[in-house]
Amino acid sequence: MKAIICQSFEHPSNLTLSETEAPALADHEVLINVAATGLGYVDALTVSGLYQIKPPLPFIPGNEIAGTVIGVGAAVQNLKIGDRVLAMPSNGGLAEQISLSASRCLVIPDHLSFPAAASFLVNYCTAHHGLVTCGALTASDTVLILGASGGVGVAAIDVAKSHGAHVIAAASTPEKVQAAITAGADEGLLYAAADWRDQLKTLLAGRALTVVYDPVGGDYADPALRSLSPGGRYLVVGFASGTIPKFAANLTLLKQISIVGVNWGGHIAVHPEASQPVIDHLLNRIQARQLNPEAGQCFALADAGHAMTAMLDRQAIGKIVITQE
């Protein structure tokens, strides 16, 4: 079996395709022929040894997969050979096959492609948790999404638009702004420009900015916070810029705004019962075509290291997916 095996913590450009034994199949497990593996910024950080959690070496990266069941353990009753599924293993996704507990697999809608399915789970759960649960999003809201062309941003656009909100997408290049608009944003702006707050004010045209969805942090955070209207919600999703911002606490008082941390993984670690209802809700919305996850850039398995490098260099557009179809 071919797989990407991380032998030591170093830059992902050093990753190469290797041969390893095919996975064994326990009674409670299914064997999946992996068609697509979604990658996130955390994957690149983990391989580099820069993430706060370091898995034991060696390991096969990748924790979002989609594919076809090709083997079923003796105790499995809810899945059968031929089922199209997605799953979140703790690792092992960058391989031709993976075995894991049947309880961790979800059957996907027929119209959902494997690359789209592998793009879905983490980013959409985070977007729903942030915008809907933490941000109390309504159709009357206007949302500014930072880093809007990345996988996290594109999912947030889709979720926000599906709830009727007005979405302004902010990104660092014209190409990325256009990608966010193509993904469904109503308007876009370049936050690399020195006058981007003025651009934002023009786009708002007197409309209140009620929600900021920020997976970027860094120098963009304070101007975005200051642009919020009174009573607005600032959703802290991550720090893709590499810099954790510091906020002026007096602004929360003067503008009566809320700063809310969005940590889907932390939330379900404390409240594991909260996970399945959200996933079921999102899958139902996908089935009804109210949400439309799509893969971004796709790479071959042998090029997984280059794909992670693109994320670290902030060159990625959309959710990066490794495909084997």
Protein backbone atom coordinates (compact mmCIF):
# COMPACT_ATOMS: atom_id res chain seq x y z
CA MET A 1 0.00 0.00 0.00
CA LYS A 2 1.24 3.50 -0.83
CA ALA A 3 1.18 6.12 1.91
CA ILE A 4 2.78 9.36 3.06
CA ILE A 5 4.68 8.50 6.24
CA CYS A 6 6.03 11.24 8.49
CA GLN A 7 9.26 9.78 9.92
CA SER A 8 10.44 12.96 11.67
CA PHE A 9 9.12 16.44 12.36
CA GLU A 10 10.39 18.63 9.54
CA HIS A 11 9.16 20.84 6.72
CA PRO A 12 6.40 19.03 4.78
CA SER A 13 8.24 19.56 1.48
CA ASN A 14 10.43 16.64 2.62
CA LEU A 15 7.53 14.18 2.67
CA THR A 16 7.71 11.39 0.10
CA LEU A 17 5.51 8.52 -0.99
CA SER A 18 6.37 5.20 0.68
CA GLU A 19 5.25 1.58 0.66
CA THR A 20 3.77 0.12 3.84
CA GLU A 21 1.62 -2.82 4.87
CA ALA A 22 -2.11 -2.67 4.20
CA PRO A 23 -4.16 -2.14 7.37
CA ALA A 24 -5.62 -5.10 9.26
CA LEU A 25 -9.38 -5.28 9.84
CA ALA A 26 -10.80 -5.79 13.34
CA ASP A 27 -14.32 -7.08 13.99
CA HIS A 28 -15.74 -3.61 14.72
CA GLU A 29 -13.96 -1.92 11.81
CA VAL A 30 -14.44 -1.29 8.12
CA LEU A 31 -11.73 -1.12 5.48
CA ILE A 32 -12.00 1.95 3.26
CA ASN A 33 -10.49 2.58 -0.13
CA VAL A 34 -9.52 6.24 0.32
CA ALA A 35 -10.64 8.42 -2.60
CA ALA A 36 -9.94 11.83 -1.08
CA THR A 37 -8.26 13.28 1.99
CA GLY A 38 -8.88 16.82 3.17
CA LEU A 39 -5.92 18.74 4.56
CA GLY A 40 -5.92 21.68 6.93
CA TYR A 41 -3.36 24.14 8.23
CA VAL A 42 -3.05 22.03 11.37
CA ASP A 43 -1.83 19.07 9.28
CA ALA A 44 1.05 21.15 7.91
CA LEU A 45 1.92 22.44 11.38
CA THR A 46 1.82 18.90 12.84
CA VAL A 47 4.16 17.49 10.21
CA SER A 48 6.50 20.42 10.83
CA GLY A 49 6.50 19.77 14.58
CA LEU A 50 5.02 23.22 15.19
CA TYR A 51 1.62 22.16 16.50
CA GLN A 52 0.86 21.94 20.21
CA ILE A 53 0.05 18.21 19.89
CA LYS A 54 2.76 15.93 18.51
CA PRO A 55 1.69 12.40 17.53
CA PRO A 56 4.14 9.54 18.10
CA LEU A 57 6.50 8.98 15.19
CA PRO A 58 6.24 7.57 12.60
CA PHE A 59 2.68 8.37 11.57
CA ILE A 60 0.57 8.81 8.45
CA PRO A 61 -0.97 12.33 8.41
CA GLY A 62 -4.54 13.09 7.41
CA ASN A 63 -7.68 13.07 9.54
CA GLU A 64 -10.47 13.84 7.05
CA ILE A 65 -11.18 11.13 4.50
CA ALA A 66 -13.85 10.04 2.08
CA GLY A 67 -14.02 6.80 0.15
CA THR A 68 -15.69 3.45 -0.42
CA VAL A 69 -16.09 0.60 2.06
CA ILE A 70 -14.28 -2.45 0.68
CA GLY A 71 -14.21 -4.66 3.78
CA VAL A 72 -16.50 -5.12 6.79
CA GLY A 73 -15.61 -6.61 10.17
CA ALA A 74 -17.67 -9.45 11.59
CA ALA A 75 -19.39 -7.27 14.22
CA VAL A 76 -20.30 -4.36 11.90
CA GLN A 77 -24.02 -4.05 11.14
CA ASN A 78 -24.52 -0.43 10.04
CA LEU A 79 -22.30 -0.43 6.95
CA LYS A 80 -21.80 -2.68 3.94
CA ILE A 81 -19.31 -3.08 1.12
CA GLY A 82 -19.86 -0.38 -1.48
CA ASP A 83 -21.08 2.31 0.93
CA ARG A 84 -19.71 5.80 0.23
CA VAL A 85 -18.55 7.28 3.53
CA LEU A 86 -16.63 10.07 5.17
CA ALA A 87 -14.76 9.77 8.45
CA MET A 88 -12.37 11.53 10.78
CA PRO A 89 -9.58 9.17 11.85
CA SER A 90 -7.01 10.58 14.26
CA ASN A 91 -4.45 10.06 11.47
CA GLY A 92 -3.81 7.71 8.56
CA GLY A 93 -5.70 9.54 5.83
CA LEU A 94 -2.80 10.00 3.42
CA ALA A 95 -2.82 6.38 2.30
CA GLU A 96 -4.53 4.24 -0.28
CA GLN A 97 -6.52 2.39 2.39
CA ILE A 98 -7.49 2.85 6.01
CA SER A 99 -9.31 0.72 8.59
CA LEU A 100 -11.26 2.32 11.40
CA SER A 101 -14.24 1.81 13.65
CA ALA A 102 -17.53 1.71 11.77
CA SER A 103 -18.96 4.06 14.39
CA ARG A 104 -16.69 6.84 13.09
CA CYS A 105 -18.02 6.62 9.53
CA LEU A 106 -20.92 8.56 7.99
CA VAL A 107 -22.68 7.61 4.78
CA ILE A 108 -22.61 10.58 2.40
CA PRO A 109 -25.33 11.82 0.02
CA ASP A 110 -25.15 10.34 -3.47
CA HIS A 111 -24.65 13.71 -5.16
CA LEU A 112 -21.70 14.66 -2.93
CA SER A 113 -18.34 13.95 -4.57
CA PHE A 114 -15.54 12.36 -2.57
CA PRO A 115 -13.34 15.53 -2.75
CA ALA A 116 -16.27 17.64 -1.52
CA ALA A 117 -17.00 15.15 1.28
CA ALA A 118 -13.36 15.24 2.38
CA SER A 119 -13.61 19.05 2.44
CA PHE A 120 -16.64 19.16 4.65
CA LEU A 121 -16.49 17.98 8.22
CA VAL A 122 -14.02 20.12 10.18
CA ASN A 123 -14.55 23.41 8.36
CA TYR A 124 -18.34 23.21 8.20
CA CYS A 125 -18.74 22.12 11.82
CA THR A 126 -16.47 24.99 12.82
CA ALA A 127 -18.40 27.46 10.67
CA HIS A 128 -21.76 26.30 12.03
CA HIS A 129 -20.52 26.30 15.62
CA GLY A 130 -18.98 29.74 15.21
CA LEU A 131 -21.62 31.56 13.22
CA VAL A 132 -24.79 29.87 14.45
CA THR A 133 -24.05 28.62 17.97
CA CYS A 134 -21.53 31.22 19.15
CA GLY A 135 -22.50 34.09 16.86
CA ALA A 136 -26.31 33.68 16.92
CA LEU A 137 -26.39 34.42 13.20
CA THR A 138 -29.63 35.65 11.61
CA ALA A 139 -30.65 36.70 8.12
CA SER A 140 -30.40 40.34 9.19
CA ASP A 141 -26.66 40.09 9.92
CA THR A 142 -23.81 41.42 7.83
CA VAL A 143 -20.71 39.25 8.22
CA LEU A 144 -17.09 40.14 7.47
CA ILE A 145 -15.06 36.96 6.84
CA LEU A 146 -11.29 37.30 7.01
CA GLY A 147 -9.13 34.84 5.07
CA ALA A 148 -12.27 34.22 3.05
CA SER A 149 -10.67 32.27 0.19
CA GLY A 150 -9.24 29.49 2.38
CA GLY A 151 -11.07 26.31 3.29
CA VAL A 152 -12.23 27.74 6.62
CA GLY A 153 -13.39 30.96 4.96
CA VAL A 154 -15.22 29.29 2.08
CA ALA A 155 -17.15 27.07 4.51
CA ALA A 156 -18.11 30.16 6.52
CA ILE A 157 -19.34 31.88 3.37
CA ASP A 158 -21.55 28.90 2.52
CA VAL A 159 -22.97 28.61 6.05
CA ALA A 160 -23.59 32.37 6.38
CA LYS A 161 -25.29 32.63 2.99
CA SER A 162 -27.44 29.57 3.71
CA HIS A 163 -28.83 31.49 6.70
CA GLY A 164 -29.57 34.56 4.60
CA ALA A 165 -26.79 36.82 5.92
CA HIS A 166 -24.99 39.42 3.82
CA VAL A 167 -21.33 38.40 3.41
CA ILE A 168 -18.30 40.59 2.78
CA ALA A 169 -15.19 38.55 2.01
CA ALA A 170 -11.72 39.85 2.82
CA ALA A 171 -8.57 38.32 1.34
CA SER A 172 -4.98 39.25 0.48
CA THR A 173 -4.95 39.15 -3.34
CA PRO A 174 -7.43 39.96 -6.14
CA GLU A 175 -7.39 36.27 -7.13
CA LYS A 176 -8.39 35.24 -3.62
CA VAL A 177 -11.09 37.92 -3.39
CA GLN A 178 -12.57 36.68 -6.66
CA ALA A 179 -12.44 33.07 -5.41
CA ALA A 180 -14.42 34.09 -2.31
CA ILE A 181 -17.03 35.88 -4.44
CA THR A 182 -17.27 32.82 -6.69
CA ALA A 183 -17.86 30.79 -3.50
CA GLY A 184 -20.91 32.95 -2.76
CA ALA A 185 -19.79 36.11 -0.96
CA ASP A 186 -21.83 39.20 -1.86
CA GLU A 187 -18.80 41.49 -1.97
CA GLY A 188 -15.06 41.38 -1.48
CA LEU A 189 -12.18 43.59 -0.44
CA LEU A 190 -8.39 43.47 -0.30
CA TYR A 191 -7.21 43.67 3.29
CA ALA A 192 -3.63 43.91 2.05
CA ALA A 193 -4.46 47.49 1.09
CA ALA A 194 -3.66 50.22 3.62
CA ASP A 195 -7.15 51.72 3.25
CA TRP A 196 -9.07 48.49 3.61
CA ARG A 197 -11.23 49.86 6.44
CA ASP A 198 -12.30 52.64 4.10
CA GLN A 199 -13.10 50.02 1.46
CA LEU A 200 -15.17 48.18 4.05
CA LYS A 201 -17.05 51.33 5.00
CA THR A 202 -17.87 51.96 1.35
CA LEU A 203 -19.12 48.40 0.87
CA LEU A 204 -21.25 48.61 4.00
CA ALA A 205 -22.99 51.73 2.58
CA GLY A 206 -24.50 52.55 5.96
CA ARG A 207 -25.29 48.93 6.83
CA ALA A 208 -24.24 47.77 10.33
CA LEU A 209 -21.36 45.29 10.50
CA THR A 210 -22.66 42.83 13.07
CA VAL A 211 -20.34 39.79 12.84
CA VAL A 212 -16.63 39.27 12.14
CA TYR A 213 -15.41 35.71 11.47
CA ASP A 214 -11.65 35.70 11.95
CA PRO A 215 -9.45 32.64 11.30
CA VAL A 216 -6.44 34.87 10.52
CA GLY A 217 -5.61 37.10 13.49
CA GLY A 218 -2.46 39.20 13.23
CA ASP A 219 -2.59 42.80 12.04
CA TYR A 220 -6.08 42.46 10.58
CA ALA A 221 -7.78 41.75 13.89
CA ASP A 222 -7.76 45.18 15.51
CA PRO A 223 -9.08 47.08 12.45
CA ALA A 224 -11.80 44.47 12.00
CA LEU A 225 -12.78 44.73 15.66
CA ARG A 226 -12.93 48.53 15.42
CA SER A 227 -15.15 48.24 12.35
CA LEU A 228 -17.84 46.32 14.23
CA SER A 229 -21.06 48.17 14.93
CA PRO A 230 -22.39 48.44 18.51
CA GLY A 231 -23.63 45.09 19.74
CA GLY A 232 -21.53 43.18 17.21
CA ARG A 233 -19.87 39.79 17.71
CA TYR A 234 -16.21 39.11 16.96
CA LEU A 235 -15.57 35.41 16.43
CA VAL A 236 -11.98 34.29 17.07
CA VAL A 237 -11.47 31.15 14.96
CA GLY A 238 -7.70 30.89 14.57
CA PHE A 239 -4.40 32.57 13.80
CA ALA A 240 -3.37 31.59 10.28
CA SER A 241 -1.19 34.71 10.11
CA GLY A 242 0.99 33.18 12.82
CA THR A 243 0.44 36.12 15.18
CA ILE A 244 -2.02 36.16 18.07
CA PRO A 245 -3.59 39.65 18.32
CA LYS A 246 -4.13 41.63 21.49
CA PHE A 247 -7.42 43.48 21.78
CA ALA A 248 -8.14 46.76 23.52
CA ALA A 249 -10.58 45.71 26.23
CA ASN A 250 -12.10 49.18 26.44
CA LEU A 251 -13.56 48.71 22.94
CA THR A 252 -15.79 45.91 24.18
CA LEU A 253 -17.17 48.33 26.77
CA LEU A 254 -17.49 51.41 24.57
CA LYS A 255 -19.00 49.57 21.60
CA GLN A 256 -20.89 46.92 23.61
CA ILE A 257 -19.38 44.16 21.50
CA SER A 258 -18.57 40.56 22.30
CA ILE A 259 -15.35 38.66 21.54
CA VAL A 260 -16.13 34.96 21.37
CA GLY A 261 -13.68 32.09 21.01
CA VAL A 262 -14.71 29.46 18.44
CA ASN A 263 -13.17 26.07 19.21
CA TRP A 264 -15.27 23.25 17.77
CA GLY A 265 -12.76 20.58 18.78
CA GLY A 266 -12.58 21.89 22.33
CA HIS A 267 -16.35 22.17 22.51
CA ILE A 268 -17.02 18.55 21.55
CA ALA A 269 -14.19 17.35 23.80
CA VAL A 270 -16.17 18.79 26.74
CA HIS A 271 -19.59 18.06 25.23
CA PRO A 272 -19.18 14.97 23.01
CA GLU A 273 -22.95 14.61 22.78
CA ALA A 274 -23.07 17.89 20.81
CA SER A 275 -21.19 16.53 17.80
CA GLN A 276 -23.63 14.16 16.12
CA PRO A 277 -26.64 16.53 16.06
CA VAL A 278 -24.55 19.19 14.32
CA ILE A 279 -23.16 16.70 11.79
CA ASP A 280 -26.64 15.31 11.11
CA HIS A 281 -27.99 18.85 10.68
CA LEU A 282 -25.26 19.76 8.20
CA LEU A 283 -25.62 16.52 6.22
CA ASN A 284 -29.38 17.10 6.00
CA ARG A 285 -28.75 20.60 4.65
CA ILE A 286 -26.31 19.16 2.11
CA GLN A 287 -28.89 16.53 1.10
CA ALA A 288 -31.42 19.36 0.63
CA ARG A 289 -28.76 21.32 -1.33
CA GLN A 290 -28.95 24.20 1.14
CA LEU A 291 -25.20 23.79 1.67
CA ASN A 292 -22.78 23.06 -1.15
CA PRO A 293 -19.30 22.04 0.04
CA GLU A 294 -16.70 21.96 -2.70
CA ALA A 295 -13.05 21.02 -2.79
CA GLY A 296 -10.50 23.69 -3.52
CA GLN A 297 -7.16 22.81 -5.04
CA CYS A 298 -6.60 19.09 -5.55
CA PHE A 299 -3.23 17.31 -5.44
CA ALA A 300 -2.09 13.73 -6.03
CA LEU A 301 -1.03 11.64 -3.04
CA ALA A 302 2.65 11.92 -4.01
CA ASP A 303 2.34 15.73 -3.91
CA ALA A 304 0.89 15.94 -0.38
CA GLY A 305 4.04 17.64 0.91
CA HIS A 306 3.78 20.33 -1.76
CA ALA A 307 0.10 20.82 -0.85
CA MET A 308 1.01 21.39 2.81
CA THR A 309 3.76 23.78 1.78
CA ALA A 310 1.21 25.83 -0.17
CA MET A 311 -0.85 26.14 3.01
CA LEU A 312 2.13 27.23 5.10
CA ASP A 313 3.00 29.80 2.43
CA ARG A 314 -0.64 30.97 2.40
CA GLN A 315 -0.95 30.20 -1.28
CA ALA A 316 -3.88 27.80 -0.96
CA ILE A 317 -7.33 28.65 -2.28
CA GLY A 318 -10.23 26.68 -0.86
CA LYS A 319 -9.89 23.44 1.04
CA ILE A 320 -6.82 21.48 -0.08
CA VAL A 321 -7.68 17.89 -1.00
CA ILE A 322 -5.51 14.93 -1.90
CA THR A 323 -7.31 12.78 -4.46
CA GLN A 324 -6.78 9.19 -5.56
CA GLU A 325 -9.73 8.85 -7.94
